Amino acid sequence: MKIVGLTNEELKLANQNGTLFATLQQRLAEFGSVASLSAGTYEMELNKLKYTLTSLG
């Protein structure tokens, strides 16, 4: 699982220890913080503006 920064061995070890779910949750939580940081990007703001203008009719 390269995308979350875990090797196959780390995944196997976490699975054997019964901590696989917690390990994945911890690594995936980083994506949530990045998503909140990118929420104010130009594209997102432009999309909000387009949606608002469309909903006004």
PDB file of N, CA and C in Angstrom:
ATOM      1  N   MET A   1       0.839  -1.180   0.000  1.00  0.00           N
ATOM      2  CA  MET A   1       0.000   0.000   0.000  1.00  0.00           C
ATOM      3  C   MET A   1       0.880   1.238   0.000  1.00  0.00           C
ATOM      4  N   LYS A   2       1.476   1.472  -1.121  1.00  0.00           N
ATOM      5  CA  LYS A   2       2.373   2.613  -1.249  1.00  0.00           C
ATOM      6  C   LYS A   2       1.677   3.930  -0.963  1.00  0.00           C
ATOM      7  N   ILE A   3       0.420   4.032  -1.329  1.00  0.00           N
ATOM      8  CA  ILE A   3      -0.291   5.303  -1.202  1.00  0.00           C
ATOM      9  C   ILE A   3      -0.390   5.774   0.253  1.00  0.00           C
ATOM     10  N   VAL A   4      -0.430   4.852   1.191  1.00  0.00           N
ATOM     11  CA  VAL A   4      -0.497   5.249   2.599  1.00  0.00           C
ATOM     12  C   VAL A   4       0.846   5.090   3.301  1.00  0.00           C
ATOM     13  N   GLY A   5       1.875   4.707   2.570  1.00  0.00           N
ATOM     14  CA  GLY A   5       3.216   4.635   3.120  1.00  0.00           C
ATOM     15  C   GLY A   5       3.496   3.421   3.969  1.00  0.00           C
ATOM     16  N   LEU A   6       2.844   2.315   3.679  1.00  0.00           N
ATOM     17  CA  LEU A   6       3.072   1.079   4.412  1.00  0.00           C
ATOM     18  C   LEU A   6       3.646   0.018   3.485  1.00  0.00           C
ATOM     19  N   THR A   7       4.638  -0.691   3.973  1.00  0.00           N
ATOM     20  CA  THR A   7       5.197  -1.795   3.198  1.00  0.00           C
ATOM     21  C   THR A   7       4.352  -3.044   3.425  1.00  0.00           C
ATOM     22  N   ASN A   8       4.558  -4.036   2.589  1.00  0.00           N
ATOM     23  CA  ASN A   8       3.844  -5.303   2.760  1.00  0.00           C
ATOM     24  C   ASN A   8       4.164  -5.926   4.109  1.00  0.00           C
ATOM     25  N   GLU A   9       5.432  -5.831   4.528  1.00  0.00           N
ATOM     26  CA  GLU A   9       5.819  -6.394   5.820  1.00  0.00           C
ATOM     27  C   GLU A   9       5.120  -5.689   6.977  1.00  0.00           C
ATOM     28  N   GLU A  10       5.011  -4.372   6.890  1.00  0.00           N
ATOM     29  CA  GLU A  10       4.317  -3.621   7.937  1.00  0.00           C
ATOM     30  C   GLU A  10       2.843  -4.006   8.006  1.00  0.00           C
ATOM     31  N   LEU A  11       2.245  -4.207   6.845  1.00  0.00           N
ATOM     32  CA  LEU A  11       0.842  -4.630   6.813  1.00  0.00           C
ATOM     33  C   LEU A  11       0.675  -6.026   7.410  1.00  0.00           C
ATOM     34  N   LYS A  12       1.563  -6.933   7.054  1.00  0.00           N
ATOM     35  CA  LYS A  12       1.495  -8.298   7.600  1.00  0.00           C
ATOM     36  C   LYS A  12       1.676  -8.291   9.105  1.00  0.00           C
ATOM     37  N   LEU A  13       2.641  -7.511   9.590  1.00  0.00           N
ATOM     38  CA  LEU A  13       2.891  -7.440  11.028  1.00  0.00           C
ATOM     39  C   LEU A  13       1.695  -6.857  11.767  1.00  0.00           C
ATOM     40  N   ALA A  14       1.127  -5.794  11.230  1.00  0.00           N
ATOM     41  CA  ALA A  14      -0.055  -5.187  11.851  1.00  0.00           C
ATOM     42  C   ALA A  14      -1.219  -6.163  11.860  1.00  0.00           C
ATOM     43  N   ASN A  15      -1.361  -6.923  10.803  1.00  0.00           N
ATOM     44  CA  ASN A  15      -2.425  -7.922  10.729  1.00  0.00           C
ATOM     45  C   ASN A  15      -2.211  -9.008  11.777  1.00  0.00           C
ATOM     46  N   GLN A  16      -0.976  -9.459  11.918  1.00  0.00           N
ATOM     47  CA  GLN A  16      -0.656 -10.498  12.908  1.00  0.00           C
ATOM     48  C   GLN A  16      -0.876  -9.993  14.329  1.00  0.00           C
ATOM     49  N   ASN A  17      -0.578  -8.720  14.560  1.00  0.00           N
ATOM     50  CA  ASN A  17      -0.738  -8.135  15.901  1.00  0.00           C
ATOM     51  C   ASN A  17      -2.172  -7.711  16.193  1.00  0.00           C
ATOM     52  N   GLY A  18      -3.032  -7.780  15.192  1.00  0.00           N
ATOM     53  CA  GLY A  18      -4.413  -7.355  15.379  1.00  0.00           C
ATOM     54  C   GLY A  18      -4.584  -5.844  15.359  1.00  0.00           C
ATOM     55  N   THR A  19      -3.621  -5.130  14.792  1.00  0.00           N
ATOM     56  CA  THR A  19      -3.691  -3.670  14.776  1.00  0.00           C
ATOM     57  C   THR A  19      -3.816  -3.112  13.368  1.00  0.00           C
ATOM     58  N   LEU A  20      -4.186  -3.945  12.428  1.00  0.00           N
ATOM     59  CA  LEU A  20      -4.260  -3.515  11.029  1.00  0.00           C
ATOM     60  C   LEU A  20      -5.237  -2.359  10.849  1.00  0.00           C
ATOM     61  N   PHE A  21      -6.426  -2.486  11.405  1.00  0.00           N
ATOM     62  CA  PHE A  21      -7.434  -1.444  11.233  1.00  0.00           C
ATOM     63  C   PHE A  21      -6.959  -0.123  11.837  1.00  0.00           C
ATOM     64  N   ALA A  22      -6.414  -0.179  13.050  1.00  0.00           N
ATOM     65  CA  ALA A  22      -5.935   1.035  13.709  1.00  0.00           C
ATOM     66  C   ALA A  22      -4.778   1.663  12.927  1.00  0.00           C
ATOM     67  N   THR A  23      -3.904   0.825  12.402  1.00  0.00           N
ATOM     68  CA  THR A  23      -2.766   1.325  11.625  1.00  0.00           C
ATOM     69  C   THR A  23      -3.251   2.030  10.371  1.00  0.00           C
ATOM     70  N   LEU A  24      -4.193   1.427   9.673  1.00  0.00           N
ATOM     71  CA  LEU A  24      -4.742   2.045   8.465  1.00  0.00           C
ATOM     72  C   LEU A  24      -5.480   3.336   8.791  1.00  0.00           C
ATOM     73  N   GLN A  25      -6.221   3.333   9.884  1.00  0.00           N
ATOM     74  CA  GLN A  25      -6.930   4.554  10.287  1.00  0.00           C
ATOM     75  C   GLN A  25      -5.948   5.690  10.550  1.00  0.00           C
ATOM     76  N   GLN A  26      -4.866   5.377  11.226  1.00  0.00           N
ATOM     77  CA  GLN A  26      -3.868   6.383  11.552  1.00  0.00           C
ATOM     78  C   GLN A  26      -3.254   6.962  10.286  1.00  0.00           C
ATOM     79  N   ARG A  27      -2.895   6.092   9.348  1.00  0.00           N
ATOM     80  CA  ARG A  27      -2.264   6.562   8.118  1.00  0.00           C
ATOM     81  C   ARG A  27      -3.236   7.327   7.240  1.00  0.00           C
ATOM     82  N   LEU A  28      -4.491   6.890   7.193  1.00  0.00           N
ATOM     83  CA  LEU A  28      -5.481   7.552   6.343  1.00  0.00           C
ATOM     84  C   LEU A  28      -5.952   8.876   6.940  1.00  0.00           C
ATOM     85  N   ALA A  29      -5.780   9.065   8.232  1.00  0.00           N
ATOM     86  CA  ALA A  29      -6.166  10.326   8.865  1.00  0.00           C
ATOM     87  C   ALA A  29      -5.382  11.488   8.278  1.00  0.00           C
ATOM     88  N   GLU A  30      -4.162  11.218   7.832  1.00  0.00           N
ATOM     89  CA  GLU A  30      -3.344  12.259   7.226  1.00  0.00           C
ATOM     90  C   GLU A  30      -4.004  12.816   5.964  1.00  0.00           C
ATOM     91  N   PHE A  31      -4.726  11.971   5.239  1.00  0.00           N
ATOM     92  CA  PHE A  31      -5.409  12.436   4.039  1.00  0.00           C
ATOM     93  C   PHE A  31      -6.521  13.414   4.381  1.00  0.00           C
ATOM     94  N   GLY A  32      -7.171  13.212   5.510  1.00  0.00           N
ATOM     95  CA  GLY A  32      -8.221  14.124   5.945  1.00  0.00           C
ATOM     96  C   GLY A  32      -7.679  15.510   6.219  1.00  0.00           C
ATOM     97  N   SER A  33      -6.527  15.574   6.837  1.00  0.00           N
ATOM     98  CA  SER A  33      -5.947  16.893   7.122  1.00  0.00           C
ATOM     99  C   SER A  33      -5.502  17.581   5.843  1.00  0.00           C
ATOM    100  N   VAL A  34      -4.989  16.824   4.898  1.00  0.00           N
ATOM    101  CA  VAL A  34      -4.590  17.406   3.612  1.00  0.00           C
ATOM    102  C   VAL A  34      -5.817  17.884   2.849  1.00  0.00           C
ATOM    103  N   ALA A  35      -6.886  17.122   2.912  1.00  0.00           N
ATOM    104  CA  ALA A  35      -8.117  17.510   2.216  1.00  0.00           C
ATOM    105  C   ALA A  35      -8.679  18.808   2.778  1.00  0.00           C
ATOM    106  N   SER A  36      -8.613  18.964   4.089  1.00  0.00           N
ATOM    107  CA  SER A  36      -9.138  20.207   4.663  1.00  0.00           C
ATOM    108  C   SER A  36      -8.272  21.397   4.283  1.00  0.00           C
ATOM    109  N   LEU A  37      -6.977  21.169   4.128  1.00  0.00           N
ATOM    110  CA  LEU A  37      -6.105  22.259   3.695  1.00  0.00           C
ATOM    111  C   LEU A  37      -6.373  22.661   2.252  1.00  0.00           C
ATOM    112  N   SER A  38      -6.702  21.695   1.417  1.00  0.00           N
ATOM    113  CA  SER A  38      -6.913  21.996   0.006  1.00  0.00           C
ATOM    114  C   SER A  38      -8.329  22.495  -0.276  1.00  0.00           C
ATOM    115  N   ALA A  39      -9.185  22.481   0.729  1.00  0.00           N
ATOM    116  CA  ALA A  39     -10.574  22.888   0.517  1.00  0.00           C
ATOM    117  C   ALA A  39     -10.694  24.347   0.103  1.00  0.00           C
ATOM    118  N   GLY A  40      -9.729  25.168   0.433  1.00  0.00           N
ATOM    119  CA  GLY A  40      -9.805  26.577   0.097  1.00  0.00           C
ATOM    120  C   GLY A  40      -9.038  26.940  -1.161  1.00  0.00           C
ATOM    121  N   THR A  41      -8.700  25.963  -1.981  1.00  0.00           N
ATOM    122  CA  THR A  41      -7.928  26.246  -3.183  1.00  0.00           C
ATOM    123  C   THR A  41      -8.769  27.008  -4.200  1.00  0.00           C
ATOM    124  N   TYR A  42      -8.099  27.572  -5.156  1.00  0.00           N
ATOM    125  CA  TYR A  42      -8.746  28.360  -6.194  1.00  0.00           C
ATOM    126  C   TYR A  42      -9.847  27.579  -6.894  1.00  0.00           C
ATOM    127  N   GLU A  43      -9.555  26.342  -7.284  1.00  0.00           N
ATOM    128  CA  GLU A  43     -10.549  25.534  -7.997  1.00  0.00           C
ATOM    129  C   GLU A  43     -11.788  25.287  -7.155  1.00  0.00           C
ATOM    130  N   MET A  44     -11.585  25.016  -5.875  1.00  0.00           N
ATOM    131  CA  MET A  44     -12.730  24.772  -5.001  1.00  0.00           C
ATOM    132  C   MET A  44     -13.576  26.027  -4.855  1.00  0.00           C
ATOM    133  N   GLU A  45     -12.922  27.145  -4.684  1.00  0.00           N
ATOM    134  CA  GLU A  45     -13.662  28.406  -4.545  1.00  0.00           C
ATOM    135  C   GLU A  45     -14.396  28.748  -5.835  1.00  0.00           C
ATOM    136  N   LEU A  46     -13.767  28.491  -6.965  1.00  0.00           N
ATOM    137  CA  LEU A  46     -14.407  28.738  -8.252  1.00  0.00           C
ATOM    138  C   LEU A  46     -15.623  27.830  -8.423  1.00  0.00           C
ATOM    139  N   ASN A  47     -15.497  26.578  -8.028  1.00  0.00           N
ATOM    140  CA  ASN A  47     -16.636  25.665  -8.122  1.00  0.00           C
ATOM    141  C   ASN A  47     -17.778  26.105  -7.223  1.00  0.00           C
ATOM    142  N   LYS A  48     -17.462  26.600  -6.030  1.00  0.00           N
ATOM    143  CA  LYS A  48     -18.515  27.110  -5.143  1.00  0.00           C
ATOM    144  C   LYS A  48     -19.231  28.294  -5.780  1.00  0.00           C
ATOM    145  N   LEU A  49     -18.461  29.187  -6.409  1.00  0.00           N
ATOM    146  CA  LEU A  49     -19.048  30.344  -7.068  1.00  0.00           C
ATOM    147  C   LEU A  49     -19.952  29.911  -8.215  1.00  0.00           C
ATOM    148  N   LYS A  50     -19.484  28.985  -9.031  1.00  0.00           N
ATOM    149  CA  LYS A  50     -20.296  28.482 -10.148  1.00  0.00           C
ATOM    150  C   LYS A  50     -21.585  27.862  -9.637  1.00  0.00           C
ATOM    151  N   TYR A  51     -21.483  27.067  -8.570  1.00  0.00           N
ATOM    152  CA  TYR A  51     -22.672  26.422  -8.011  1.00  0.00           C
ATOM    153  C   TYR A  51     -23.661  27.481  -7.509  1.00  0.00           C
ATOM    154  N   THR A  52     -23.156  28.483  -6.839  1.00  0.00           N
ATOM    155  CA  THR A  52     -24.020  29.540  -6.312  1.00  0.00           C
ATOM    156  C   THR A  52     -24.714  30.285  -7.435  1.00  0.00           C
ATOM    157  N   LEU A  53     -23.972  30.621  -8.481  1.00  0.00           N
ATOM    158  CA  LEU A  53     -24.564  31.330  -9.613  1.00  0.00           C
ATOM    159  C   LEU A  53     -25.597  30.469 -10.339  1.00  0.00           C
ATOM    160  N   THR A  54     -25.325  29.186 -10.449  1.00  0.00           N
ATOM    161  CA  THR A  54     -26.269  28.264 -11.089  1.00  0.00           C
ATOM    162  C   THR A  54     -27.545  28.134 -10.259  1.00  0.00           C
ATOM    163  N   SER A  55     -27.391  28.051  -8.950  1.00  0.00           N
ATOM    164  CA  SER A  55     -28.574  27.876  -8.104  1.00  0.00           C
ATOM    165  C   SER A  55     -29.430  29.132  -8.024  1.00  0.00           C
ATOM    166  N   LEU A  56     -28.836  30.290  -8.318  1.00  0.00           N
ATOM    167  CA  LEU A  56     -29.608  31.523  -8.330  1.00  0.00           C
ATOM    168  C   LEU A  56     -30.494  31.621  -9.569  1.00  0.00           C
ATOM    169  N   GLY A  57     -30.148  30.857 -10.581  1.00  0.00           N
ATOM    170  CA  GLY A  57     -30.985  30.786 -11.759  1.00  0.00           C
ATOM    171  C   GLY A  57     -30.590  31.735 -12.789  1.00  0.00           C
TER     172      GLY A  57
END
